[in-house]
Amino acid sequence: MSKKSTIEQKKQHIRALIDKASALEIEIVWMPRIMSNQTDLEKCRGDTIERNSIGLSGVDGAFISDVYEQVRGGKHLSGGQEQAVKRVLKKYWRQYANMMHDDVKHKQVYIHT
């Protein structure tokens, strides 16, 4: 199997996991994982200021930060928010693949859907 097809398989697999995830799984697994890659300053500002290819970029950072703060405040995603968040998170499949690889390497527990 070529490297390109392996990468494409990872991409499709992670995107499918995000698509199949419930709103609750998005709130407690997928959003916190990508937010963990934001710097502390970015989390405080709710914006992306680092150009480090880690975490969220530009408009995505502001949107996910706003929704994540809403969830942390005890509110749940609406149906529209869930779909919008999934669309954004699927763009970051490569970061999720790297995080999953690191989790396995460090033997951290990981939730499968």
Protein backbone atom coordinates (compact mmCIF):
# COMPACT_ATOMS: atom_id res chain seq x y z
CA MET A 1 0.00 0.00 0.00
CA SER A 2 1.39 3.38 -0.96
CA LYS A 3 1.99 6.14 1.56
CA LYS A 4 -0.55 8.32 -0.24
CA SER A 5 -3.31 5.71 0.06
CA THR A 6 -2.49 5.17 3.77
CA ILE A 7 -2.78 8.91 4.40
CA GLU A 8 -6.06 9.04 2.48
CA GLN A 9 -7.38 6.12 4.55
CA LYS A 10 -6.48 7.93 7.80
CA LYS A 11 -8.17 11.07 6.52
CA GLN A 12 -11.36 9.23 5.58
CA HIS A 13 -11.39 7.25 8.84
CA ILE A 14 -11.02 10.29 11.11
CA ARG A 15 -13.53 12.31 9.12
CA ALA A 16 -15.99 9.40 9.38
CA LEU A 17 -15.46 9.21 13.16
CA ILE A 18 -16.28 12.90 13.45
CA ASP A 19 -19.35 12.51 11.21
CA LYS A 20 -20.66 9.60 13.32
CA ALA A 21 -19.98 11.30 16.66
CA SER A 22 -22.97 12.45 18.69
CA ALA A 23 -23.24 16.06 19.81
CA LEU A 24 -22.16 14.94 23.28
CA GLU A 25 -19.05 13.22 21.89
CA ILE A 26 -18.20 16.37 19.95
CA GLU A 27 -18.56 18.37 23.18
CA ILE A 28 -16.54 16.08 25.47
CA VAL A 29 -13.99 14.44 23.15
CA TRP A 30 -13.39 16.12 19.82
CA MET A 31 -13.58 19.82 20.74
CA PRO A 32 -11.45 19.54 23.90
CA ARG A 33 -8.77 17.61 21.99
CA ILE A 34 -8.33 20.27 19.31
CA MET A 35 -8.58 23.05 21.91
CA SER A 36 -5.73 21.41 23.83
CA ASN A 37 -3.48 22.41 20.92
CA GLN A 38 -4.32 26.10 21.27
CA THR A 39 -1.83 28.16 23.27
CA ASP A 40 -2.99 29.60 26.60
CA LEU A 41 -3.03 33.10 25.10
CA GLU A 42 -5.12 31.90 22.16
CA LYS A 43 -7.57 30.25 24.55
CA CYS A 44 -7.89 33.49 26.54
CA ARG A 45 -8.32 35.65 23.47
CA GLY A 46 -10.55 33.19 21.62
CA ASP A 47 -8.47 33.77 18.53
CA THR A 48 -5.50 32.30 16.69
CA ILE A 49 -2.33 34.34 16.95
CA GLU A 50 0.36 31.68 16.53
CA ARG A 51 1.21 30.41 13.07
CA ASN A 52 2.52 27.05 14.28
CA SER A 53 0.39 24.57 12.28
CA ILE A 54 -1.03 23.32 15.58
CA GLY A 55 -4.55 23.90 16.83
CA LEU A 56 -7.08 25.94 14.91
CA SER A 57 -6.50 28.68 12.39
CA GLY A 58 -8.07 32.10 11.85
CA VAL A 59 -11.85 32.13 11.64
CA ASP A 60 -12.03 28.49 12.74
CA GLY A 61 -10.24 29.36 15.96
CA ALA A 62 -12.65 32.14 16.82
CA PHE A 63 -15.73 30.07 15.98
CA ILE A 64 -14.68 26.90 17.82
CA SER A 65 -13.44 28.94 20.81
CA ASP A 66 -16.84 30.66 21.09
CA VAL A 67 -18.77 27.39 20.86
CA TYR A 68 -16.35 25.63 23.22
CA GLU A 69 -16.83 28.34 25.86
CA GLN A 70 -20.60 27.97 25.48
CA VAL A 71 -20.26 24.22 26.10
CA ARG A 72 -17.93 24.75 29.03
CA GLY A 73 -20.57 27.11 30.43
CA GLY A 74 -23.09 24.25 30.54
CA LYS A 75 -24.96 24.73 27.28
CA HIS A 76 -25.18 22.02 24.64
CA LEU A 77 -24.70 22.28 20.91
CA SER A 78 -27.75 23.01 18.83
CA GLY A 79 -28.26 20.85 15.74
CA GLY A 80 -26.94 23.62 13.52
CA GLN A 81 -23.90 24.19 15.71
CA GLU A 82 -23.16 20.46 15.78
CA GLN A 83 -23.09 20.30 11.98
CA ALA A 84 -21.01 23.48 11.68
CA VAL A 85 -18.51 22.28 14.30
CA LYS A 86 -18.18 18.89 12.58
CA ARG A 87 -17.47 20.62 9.25
CA VAL A 88 -14.70 22.64 10.86
CA LEU A 89 -13.19 19.78 12.88
CA LYS A 90 -12.96 17.51 9.84
CA LYS A 91 -10.50 20.00 8.30
CA TYR A 92 -8.09 19.18 11.14
CA TRP A 93 -8.03 15.42 10.56
CA ARG A 94 -4.22 15.37 10.30
CA GLN A 95 -3.84 16.93 13.76
CA TYR A 96 -6.28 14.39 15.18
CA ALA A 97 -4.25 11.59 13.53
CA ASN A 98 -1.10 12.94 15.17
CA MET A 99 -2.82 13.24 18.56
CA MET A 100 -4.15 9.68 18.29
CA HIS A 101 -0.69 8.43 17.40
CA ASP A 102 0.76 10.23 20.43
CA ASP A 103 -2.02 8.82 22.65
CA VAL A 104 -1.18 5.29 21.59
CA LYS A 105 2.53 5.94 21.99
CA HIS A 106 1.93 7.21 25.53
CA LYS A 107 -0.75 4.57 26.24
CA GLN A 108 -3.47 7.08 26.97
CA VAL A 109 -7.07 5.92 26.86
CA TYR A 110 -8.91 6.98 23.74
CA ILE A 111 -12.66 6.86 23.07
CA HIS A 112 -13.70 5.13 19.83
CA THR A 113 -17.08 5.75 18.24
